[in-house]
Structure formats: C-alpha cells, structure tokens
Amino acid sequence: MKNIIILILLISFIIYKNNTKAIVIGSGLAGLSTAITILENGGNVVLVEKQSSLGGNSSKASSGINAAHSENQKSNNIKDSL
C-alpha cells in the first residue's frame, strides 16, 4: 500500500509540474498510440507502465501487428483502401 501511495504522489507531482491534461495507463500499442496522438496535438501526457519495459502485450505478439498500407504491403504490390 505504501508503494501505491508513493506512486500516486509522484504522478500527481509530475502532472502538476507539467500542466498535464491526460494520463495514459499502459504502454501497449493502444497506450503508445494514444500518448503520441495527444503529443502531436499539443497536449501534455503522463504515460504510466507497470513493467520495466514498454510495449505491453503488443511486444509479445508473435504473429505480427495488423496494419493498413504497411511497408510490407507496398513492397509486395498489395493495394489497400487508404
């Protein structure tokens, strides 16, 4: 419980000092995409991850990550709707 209180205080301090408008929990594909979108639109964001490395379950995906209009599609002449 003590560690959680320390973490909450630390995050609160970071939010206050950086005028943060958003907190993203988790650094998987969705979390990182969200954080990047916020930053690209001029916002400040705090990204919180419980693991020691970024990526979440997306970093463990063994069959790849679905994407539209990827480099692999382009190099294999696969047309996409984008």
PDB file of N, CA and C in Angstrom:
ATOM      1  N   MET A   1       0.823  -1.188   0.000  1.00  0.00           N
ATOM      2  CA  MET A   1       0.000   0.000   0.000  1.00  0.00           C
ATOM      3  C   MET A   1       0.875   1.262   0.000  1.00  0.00           C
ATOM      4  N   LYS A   2       1.994   1.201   0.719  1.00  0.00           N
ATOM      5  CA  LYS A   2       2.894   2.355   0.793  1.00  0.00           C
ATOM      6  C   LYS A   2       3.432   2.704  -0.592  1.00  0.00           C
ATOM      7  N   ASN A   3       3.769   1.683  -1.390  1.00  0.00           N
ATOM      8  CA  ASN A   3       4.290   1.923  -2.741  1.00  0.00           C
ATOM      9  C   ASN A   3       3.250   2.595  -3.628  1.00  0.00           C
ATOM     10  N   ILE A   4       1.991   2.213  -3.483  1.00  0.00           N
ATOM     11  CA  ILE A   4       0.925   2.813  -4.278  1.00  0.00           C
ATOM     12  C   ILE A   4       0.762   4.287  -3.921  1.00  0.00           C
ATOM     13  N   ILE A   5       0.821   4.598  -2.639  1.00  0.00           N
ATOM     14  CA  ILE A   5       0.703   5.994  -2.203  1.00  0.00           C
ATOM     15  C   ILE A   5       1.855   6.823  -2.751  1.00  0.00           C
ATOM     16  N   ILE A   6       3.063   6.283  -2.703  1.00  0.00           N
ATOM     17  CA  ILE A   6       4.231   6.987  -3.245  1.00  0.00           C
ATOM     18  C   ILE A   6       4.064   7.205  -4.741  1.00  0.00           C
ATOM     19  N   LEU A   7       3.577   6.181  -5.456  1.00  0.00           N
ATOM     20  CA  LEU A   7       3.363   6.297  -6.897  1.00  0.00           C
ATOM     21  C   LEU A   7       2.321   7.366  -7.212  1.00  0.00           C
ATOM     22  N   ILE A   8       1.232   7.393  -6.467  1.00  0.00           N
ATOM     23  CA  ILE A   8       0.190   8.396  -6.680  1.00  0.00           C
ATOM     24  C   ILE A   8       0.737   9.802  -6.429  1.00  0.00           C
ATOM     25  N   LEU A   9       1.520   9.961  -5.380  1.00  0.00           N
ATOM     26  CA  LEU A   9       2.119  11.272  -5.095  1.00  0.00           C
ATOM     27  C   LEU A   9       3.080  11.697  -6.200  1.00  0.00           C
ATOM     28  N   LEU A  10       3.882  10.767  -6.684  1.00  0.00           N
ATOM     29  CA  LEU A  10       4.835  11.064  -7.750  1.00  0.00           C
ATOM     30  C   LEU A  10       4.107  11.467  -9.031  1.00  0.00           C
ATOM     31  N   ILE A  11       3.100  10.714  -9.410  1.00  0.00           N
ATOM     32  CA  ILE A  11       2.325  11.039 -10.613  1.00  0.00           C
ATOM     33  C   ILE A  11       1.638  12.394 -10.444  1.00  0.00           C
ATOM     34  N   SER A  12       1.077  12.645  -9.266  1.00  0.00           N
ATOM     35  CA  SER A  12       0.417  13.932  -9.007  1.00  0.00           C
ATOM     36  C   SER A  12       1.397  15.090  -9.163  1.00  0.00           C
ATOM     37  N   PHE A  13       2.617  14.919  -8.660  1.00  0.00           N
ATOM     38  CA  PHE A  13       3.643  15.954  -8.782  1.00  0.00           C
ATOM     39  C   PHE A  13       3.996  16.198 -10.249  1.00  0.00           C
ATOM     40  N   ILE A  14       4.181  15.121 -11.007  1.00  0.00           N
ATOM     41  CA  ILE A  14       4.518  15.244 -12.432  1.00  0.00           C
ATOM     42  C   ILE A  14       3.395  15.951 -13.180  1.00  0.00           C
ATOM     43  N   ILE A  15       2.155  15.579 -12.880  1.00  0.00           N
ATOM     44  CA  ILE A  15       1.002  16.212 -13.532  1.00  0.00           C
ATOM     45  C   ILE A  15       0.976  17.704 -13.230  1.00  0.00           C
ATOM     46  N   TYR A  16       1.195  18.057 -11.989  1.00  0.00           N
ATOM     47  CA  TYR A  16       1.180  19.473 -11.576  1.00  0.00           C
ATOM     48  C   TYR A  16       2.300  20.263 -12.254  1.00  0.00           C
ATOM     49  N   LYS A  17       3.515  19.730 -12.246  1.00  0.00           N
ATOM     50  CA  LYS A  17       4.669  20.448 -12.781  1.00  0.00           C
ATOM     51  C   LYS A  17       4.610  20.606 -14.306  1.00  0.00           C
ATOM     52  N   ASN A  18       3.984  19.667 -14.998  1.00  0.00           N
ATOM     53  CA  ASN A  18       3.969  19.695 -16.461  1.00  0.00           C
ATOM     54  C   ASN A  18       2.642  20.150 -17.051  1.00  0.00           C
ATOM     55  N   ASN A  19       1.735  20.630 -16.194  1.00  0.00           N
ATOM     56  CA  ASN A  19       0.416  21.060 -16.662  1.00  0.00           C
ATOM     57  C   ASN A  19      -0.230  19.976 -17.530  1.00  0.00           C
ATOM     58  N   THR A  20      -0.129  18.736 -17.080  1.00  0.00           N
ATOM     59  CA  THR A  20      -0.618  17.577 -17.826  1.00  0.00           C
ATOM     60  C   THR A  20      -2.133  17.581 -17.906  1.00  0.00           C
ATOM     61  N   LYS A  21      -2.628  17.263 -19.090  1.00  0.00           N
ATOM     62  CA  LYS A  21      -4.066  17.196 -19.308  1.00  0.00           C
ATOM     63  C   LYS A  21      -4.555  15.757 -19.452  1.00  0.00           C
ATOM     64  N   ALA A  22      -3.639  14.793 -19.607  1.00  0.00           N
ATOM     65  CA  ALA A  22      -4.052  13.405 -19.818  1.00  0.00           C
ATOM     66  C   ALA A  22      -3.082  12.442 -19.156  1.00  0.00           C
ATOM     67  N   ILE A  23      -3.621  11.340 -18.673  1.00  0.00           N
ATOM     68  CA  ILE A  23      -2.825  10.235 -18.141  1.00  0.00           C
ATOM     69  C   ILE A  23      -3.190   9.004 -18.946  1.00  0.00           C
ATOM     70  N   VAL A  24      -2.200   8.329 -19.495  1.00  0.00           N
ATOM     71  CA  VAL A  24      -2.420   7.092 -20.240  1.00  0.00           C
ATOM     72  C   VAL A  24      -1.846   5.952 -19.409  1.00  0.00           C
ATOM     73  N   ILE A  25      -2.684   4.967 -19.135  1.00  0.00           N
ATOM     74  CA  ILE A  25      -2.265   3.810 -18.354  1.00  0.00           C
ATOM     75  C   ILE A  25      -1.953   2.672 -19.316  1.00  0.00           C
ATOM     76  N   GLY A  26      -0.707   2.231 -19.325  1.00  0.00           N
ATOM     77  CA  GLY A  26      -0.285   1.114 -20.166  1.00  0.00           C
ATOM     78  C   GLY A  26       0.412   1.584 -21.429  1.00  0.00           C
ATOM     79  N   SER A  27       1.518   0.907 -21.754  1.00  0.00           N
ATOM     80  CA  SER A  27       2.318   1.316 -22.915  1.00  0.00           C
ATOM     81  C   SER A  27       2.247   0.292 -24.033  1.00  0.00           C
ATOM     82  N   GLY A  28       1.122  -0.397 -24.140  1.00  0.00           N
ATOM     83  CA  GLY A  28       0.918  -1.281 -25.285  1.00  0.00           C
ATOM     84  C   GLY A  28       0.667  -0.449 -26.528  1.00  0.00           C
ATOM     85  N   LEU A  29       0.274  -1.102 -27.591  1.00  0.00           N
ATOM     86  CA  LEU A  29       0.062  -0.401 -28.852  1.00  0.00           C
ATOM     87  C   LEU A  29      -0.985   0.694 -28.714  1.00  0.00           C
ATOM     88  N   ALA A  30      -2.072   0.428 -28.023  1.00  0.00           N
ATOM     89  CA  ALA A  30      -3.128   1.439 -27.851  1.00  0.00           C
ATOM     90  C   ALA A  30      -2.646   2.598 -26.981  1.00  0.00           C
ATOM     91  N   GLY A  31      -1.958   2.284 -25.887  1.00  0.00           N
ATOM     92  CA  GLY A  31      -1.478   3.326 -24.989  1.00  0.00           C
ATOM     93  C   GLY A  31      -0.450   4.231 -25.642  1.00  0.00           C
ATOM     94  N   LEU A  32       0.511   3.635 -26.336  1.00  0.00           N
ATOM     95  CA  LEU A  32       1.533   4.443 -27.006  1.00  0.00           C
ATOM     96  C   LEU A  32       0.923   5.282 -28.125  1.00  0.00           C
ATOM     97  N   SER A  33      -0.004   4.695 -28.883  1.00  0.00           N
ATOM     98  CA  SER A  33      -0.668   5.442 -29.955  1.00  0.00           C
ATOM     99  C   SER A  33      -1.439   6.626 -29.391  1.00  0.00           C
ATOM    100  N   THR A  34      -2.118   6.406 -28.274  1.00  0.00           N
ATOM    101  CA  THR A  34      -2.873   7.474 -27.637  1.00  0.00           C
ATOM    102  C   THR A  34      -1.947   8.587 -27.159  1.00  0.00           C
ATOM    103  N   ALA A  35      -0.871   8.212 -26.495  1.00  0.00           N
ATOM    104  CA  ALA A  35       0.077   9.210 -25.987  1.00  0.00           C
ATOM    105  C   ALA A  35       0.687  10.027 -27.120  1.00  0.00           C
ATOM    106  N   ILE A  36       1.059   9.368 -28.196  1.00  0.00           N
ATOM    107  CA  ILE A  36       1.649  10.068 -29.345  1.00  0.00           C
ATOM    108  C   ILE A  36       0.634  11.028 -29.965  1.00  0.00           C
ATOM    109  N   THR A  37      -0.617  10.585 -30.085  1.00  0.00           N
ATOM    110  CA  THR A  37      -1.660  11.443 -30.652  1.00  0.00           C
ATOM    111  C   THR A  37      -1.867  12.688 -29.803  1.00  0.00           C
ATOM    112  N   ILE A  38      -1.866  12.527 -28.497  1.00  0.00           N
ATOM    113  CA  ILE A  38      -2.014  13.673 -27.591  1.00  0.00           C
ATOM    114  C   ILE A  38      -0.845  14.643 -27.780  1.00  0.00           C
ATOM    115  N   LEU A  39       0.368  14.102 -27.831  1.00  0.00           N
ATOM    116  CA  LEU A  39       1.552  14.949 -28.017  1.00  0.00           C
ATOM    117  C   LEU A  39       1.526  15.670 -29.360  1.00  0.00           C
ATOM    118  N   GLU A  40       1.137  14.952 -30.425  1.00  0.00           N
ATOM    119  CA  GLU A  40       1.085  15.560 -31.757  1.00  0.00           C
ATOM    120  C   GLU A  40       0.073  16.699 -31.837  1.00  0.00           C
ATOM    121  N   ASN A  41      -0.914  16.657 -30.955  1.00  0.00           N
ATOM    122  CA  ASN A  41      -1.939  17.698 -30.937  1.00  0.00           C
ATOM    123  C   ASN A  41      -1.678  18.755 -29.873  1.00  0.00           C
ATOM    124  N   GLY A  42      -0.439  18.809 -29.376  1.00  0.00           N
ATOM    125  CA  GLY A  42      -0.026  19.869 -28.470  1.00  0.00           C
ATOM    126  C   GLY A  42      -0.325  19.651 -27.006  1.00  0.00           C
ATOM    127  N   GLY A  43      -0.760  18.460 -26.641  1.00  0.00           N
ATOM    128  CA  GLY A  43      -1.076  18.183 -25.248  1.00  0.00           C
ATOM    129  C   GLY A  43       0.119  17.671 -24.468  1.00  0.00           C
ATOM    130  N   ASN A  44      -0.021  17.657 -23.173  1.00  0.00           N
ATOM    131  CA  ASN A  44       0.968  17.050 -22.285  1.00  0.00           C
ATOM    132  C   ASN A  44       0.369  15.776 -21.737  1.00  0.00           C
ATOM    133  N   VAL A  45       1.154  14.740 -21.653  1.00  0.00           N
ATOM    134  CA  VAL A  45       0.631  13.437 -21.240  1.00  0.00           C
ATOM    135  C   VAL A  45       1.622  12.755 -20.309  1.00  0.00           C
ATOM    136  N   VAL A  46       1.096  12.019 -19.338  1.00  0.00           N
ATOM    137  CA  VAL A  46       1.908  11.144 -18.498  1.00  0.00           C
ATOM    138  C   VAL A  46       1.534   9.720 -18.872  1.00  0.00           C
ATOM    139  N   LEU A  47       2.531   8.928 -19.231  1.00  0.00           N
ATOM    140  CA  LEU A  47       2.336   7.532 -19.589  1.00  0.00           C
ATOM    141  C   LEU A  47       2.806   6.674 -18.415  1.00  0.00           C
ATOM    142  N   VAL A  48       1.914   5.851 -17.878  1.00  0.00           N
ATOM    143  CA  VAL A  48       2.233   5.024 -16.717  1.00  0.00           C
ATOM    144  C   VAL A  48       2.265   3.563 -17.157  1.00  0.00           C
ATOM    145  N   GLU A  49       3.361   2.874 -16.857  1.00  0.00           N
ATOM    146  CA  GLU A  49       3.522   1.460 -17.216  1.00  0.00           C
ATOM    147  C   GLU A  49       4.024   0.693 -16.003  1.00  0.00           C
ATOM    148  N   LYS A  50       3.431  -0.449 -15.717  1.00  0.00           N
ATOM    149  CA  LYS A  50       3.832  -1.225 -14.544  1.00  0.00           C
ATOM    150  C   LYS A  50       5.076  -2.087 -14.786  1.00  0.00           C
ATOM    151  N   GLN A  51       5.361  -2.390 -16.040  1.00  0.00           N
ATOM    152  CA  GLN A  51       6.525  -3.220 -16.352  1.00  0.00           C
ATOM    153  C   GLN A  51       7.772  -2.347 -16.489  1.00  0.00           C
ATOM    154  N   SER A  52       8.922  -2.986 -16.539  1.00  0.00           N
ATOM    155  CA  SER A  52      10.177  -2.241 -16.674  1.00  0.00           C
ATOM    156  C   SER A  52      10.487  -1.881 -18.120  1.00  0.00           C
ATOM    157  N   SER A  53       9.692  -2.384 -19.062  1.00  0.00           N
ATOM    158  CA  SER A  53       9.892  -2.046 -20.472  1.00  0.00           C
ATOM    159  C   SER A  53       8.551  -1.685 -21.107  1.00  0.00           C
ATOM    160  N   LEU A  54       8.622  -0.949 -22.214  1.00  0.00           N
ATOM    161  CA  LEU A  54       7.420  -0.532 -22.913  1.00  0.00           C
ATOM    162  C   LEU A  54       6.944  -1.624 -23.865  1.00  0.00           C
ATOM    163  N   GLY A  55       5.672  -1.568 -24.220  1.00  0.00           N
ATOM    164  CA  GLY A  55       5.159  -2.461 -25.252  1.00  0.00           C
ATOM    165  C   GLY A  55       3.953  -3.282 -24.844  1.00  0.00           C
ATOM    166  N   GLY A  56       3.823  -3.577 -23.565  1.00  0.00           N
ATOM    167  CA  GLY A  56       2.680  -4.371 -23.109  1.00  0.00           C
ATOM    168  C   GLY A  56       2.579  -5.696 -23.840  1.00  0.00           C
ATOM    169  N   ASN A  57       1.355  -6.183 -24.020  1.00  0.00           N
ATOM    170  CA  ASN A  57       1.151  -7.446 -24.729  1.00  0.00           C
ATOM    171  C   ASN A  57       1.492  -7.341 -26.208  1.00  0.00           C
ATOM    172  N   SER A  58       1.464  -6.134 -26.746  1.00  0.00           N
ATOM    173  CA  SER A  58       1.802  -5.945 -28.156  1.00  0.00           C
ATOM    174  C   SER A  58       3.239  -6.368 -28.441  1.00  0.00           C
ATOM    175  N   SER A  59       4.118  -6.212 -27.467  1.00  0.00           N
ATOM    176  CA  SER A  59       5.518  -6.598 -27.677  1.00  0.00           C
ATOM    177  C   SER A  59       5.691  -8.108 -27.691  1.00  0.00           C
ATOM    178  N   LYS A  60       4.664  -8.832 -27.260  1.00  0.00           N
ATOM    179  CA  LYS A  60       4.726 -10.292 -27.233  1.00  0.00           C
ATOM    180  C   LYS A  60       4.007 -10.923 -28.416  1.00  0.00           C
ATOM    181  N   ALA A  61       3.411 -10.103 -29.263  1.00  0.00           N
ATOM    182  CA  ALA A  61       2.641 -10.627 -30.391  1.00  0.00           C
ATOM    183  C   ALA A  61       3.569 -11.385 -31.335  1.00  0.00           C
ATOM    184  N   SER A  62       3.310 -12.660 -31.507  1.00  0.00           N
ATOM    185  CA  SER A  62       4.190 -13.489 -32.341  1.00  0.00           C
ATOM    186  C   SER A  62       3.732 -13.541 -33.793  1.00  0.00           C
ATOM    187  N   SER A  63       2.499 -13.136 -34.062  1.00  0.00           N
ATOM    188  CA  SER A  63       2.007 -13.209 -35.442  1.00  0.00           C
ATOM    189  C   SER A  63       1.968 -11.843 -36.106  1.00  0.00           C
ATOM    190  N   GLY A  64       2.597 -10.855 -35.489  1.00  0.00           N
ATOM    191  CA  GLY A  64       2.656  -9.529 -36.072  1.00  0.00           C
ATOM    192  C   GLY A  64       1.526  -8.649 -35.593  1.00  0.00           C
ATOM    193  N   ILE A  65       1.559  -7.429 -36.027  1.00  0.00           N
ATOM    194  CA  ILE A  65       0.542  -6.450 -35.675  1.00  0.00           C
ATOM    195  C   ILE A  65      -0.142  -6.023 -36.967  1.00  0.00           C
ATOM    196  N   ASN A  66      -1.465  -6.079 -36.980  1.00  0.00           N
ATOM    197  CA  ASN A  66      -2.216  -5.703 -38.172  1.00  0.00           C
ATOM    198  C   ASN A  66      -2.055  -4.218 -38.453  1.00  0.00           C
ATOM    199  N   ALA A  67      -1.833  -3.906 -39.722  1.00  0.00           N
ATOM    200  CA  ALA A  67      -1.685  -2.510 -40.112  1.00  0.00           C
ATOM    201  C   ALA A  67      -2.194  -2.336 -41.537  1.00  0.00           C
ATOM    202  N   ALA A  68      -2.709  -1.169 -41.819  1.00  0.00           N
ATOM    203  CA  ALA A  68      -3.153  -0.847 -43.174  1.00  0.00           C
ATOM    204  C   ALA A  68      -2.065  -0.080 -43.897  1.00  0.00           C
ATOM    205  N   HIS A  69      -1.899  -0.374 -45.174  1.00  0.00           N
ATOM    206  CA  HIS A  69      -0.952   0.342 -46.037  1.00  0.00           C
ATOM    207  C   HIS A  69       0.476   0.269 -45.477  1.00  0.00           C
ATOM    208  N   SER A  70       0.867  -0.938 -45.079  1.00  0.00           N
ATOM    209  CA  SER A  70       2.185  -1.133 -44.468  1.00  0.00           C
ATOM    210  C   SER A  70       3.284  -1.215 -45.530  1.00  0.00           C
ATOM    211  N   GLU A  71       4.515  -1.103 -45.083  1.00  0.00           N
ATOM    212  CA  GLU A  71       5.665  -1.225 -45.990  1.00  0.00           C
ATOM    213  C   GLU A  71       5.688  -2.604 -46.642  1.00  0.00           C
ATOM    214  N   ASN A  72       5.302  -3.628 -45.889  1.00  0.00           N
ATOM    215  CA  ASN A  72       5.264  -4.984 -46.425  1.00  0.00           C
ATOM    216  C   ASN A  72       4.252  -5.082 -47.567  1.00  0.00           C
ATOM    217  N   GLN A  73       3.083  -4.460 -47.401  1.00  0.00           N
ATOM    218  CA  GLN A  73       2.084  -4.449 -48.465  1.00  0.00           C
ATOM    219  C   GLN A  73       2.611  -3.726 -49.698  1.00  0.00           C
ATOM    220  N   LYS A  74       3.245  -2.584 -49.489  1.00  0.00           N
ATOM    221  CA  LYS A  74       3.770  -1.806 -50.614  1.00  0.00           C
ATOM    222  C   LYS A  74       4.820  -2.594 -51.389  1.00  0.00           C
ATOM    223  N   SER A  75       5.740  -3.238 -50.659  1.00  0.00           N
ATOM    224  CA  SER A  75       6.825  -3.966 -51.331  1.00  0.00           C
ATOM    225  C   SER A  75       6.324  -5.204 -52.073  1.00  0.00           C
ATOM    226  N   ASN A  76       5.141  -5.702 -51.714  1.00  0.00           N
ATOM    227  CA  ASN A  76       4.561  -6.868 -52.387  1.00  0.00           C
ATOM    228  C   ASN A  76       3.425  -6.476 -53.336  1.00  0.00           C
ATOM    229  N   ASN A  77       3.337  -5.191 -53.668  1.00  0.00           N
ATOM    230  CA  ASN A  77       2.317  -4.668 -54.595  1.00  0.00           C
ATOM    231  C   ASN A  77       0.894  -5.014 -54.171  1.00  0.00           C
ATOM    232  N   ILE A  78       0.646  -4.978 -52.883  1.00  0.00           N
ATOM    233  CA  ILE A  78      -0.705  -5.236 -52.370  1.00  0.00           C
ATOM    234  C   ILE A  78      -1.396  -3.891 -52.202  1.00  0.00           C
ATOM    235  N   LYS A  79      -2.480  -3.689 -52.941  1.00  0.00           N
ATOM    236  CA  LYS A  79      -3.224  -2.428 -52.864  1.00  0.00           C
ATOM    237  C   LYS A  79      -4.081  -2.406 -51.619  1.00  0.00           C
ATOM    238  N   ASP A  80      -4.205  -1.247 -51.022  1.00  0.00           N
ATOM    239  CA  ASP A  80      -5.016  -1.063 -49.833  1.00  0.00           C
ATOM    240  C   ASP A  80      -6.027   0.038 -50.087  1.00  0.00           C
ATOM    241  N   SER A  81      -7.003   0.145 -49.218  1.00  0.00           N
ATOM    242  CA  SER A  81      -8.067   1.135 -49.426  1.00  0.00           C
ATOM    243  C   SER A  81      -7.697   2.530 -48.974  1.00  0.00           C
ATOM    244  N   LEU A  82      -6.537   2.698 -48.359  1.00  0.00           N
ATOM    245  CA  LEU A  82      -6.152   4.028 -47.900  1.00  0.00           C
ATOM    246  C   LEU A  82      -5.595   4.877 -49.008  1.00  0.00           C
TER     247      LEU A  82
END
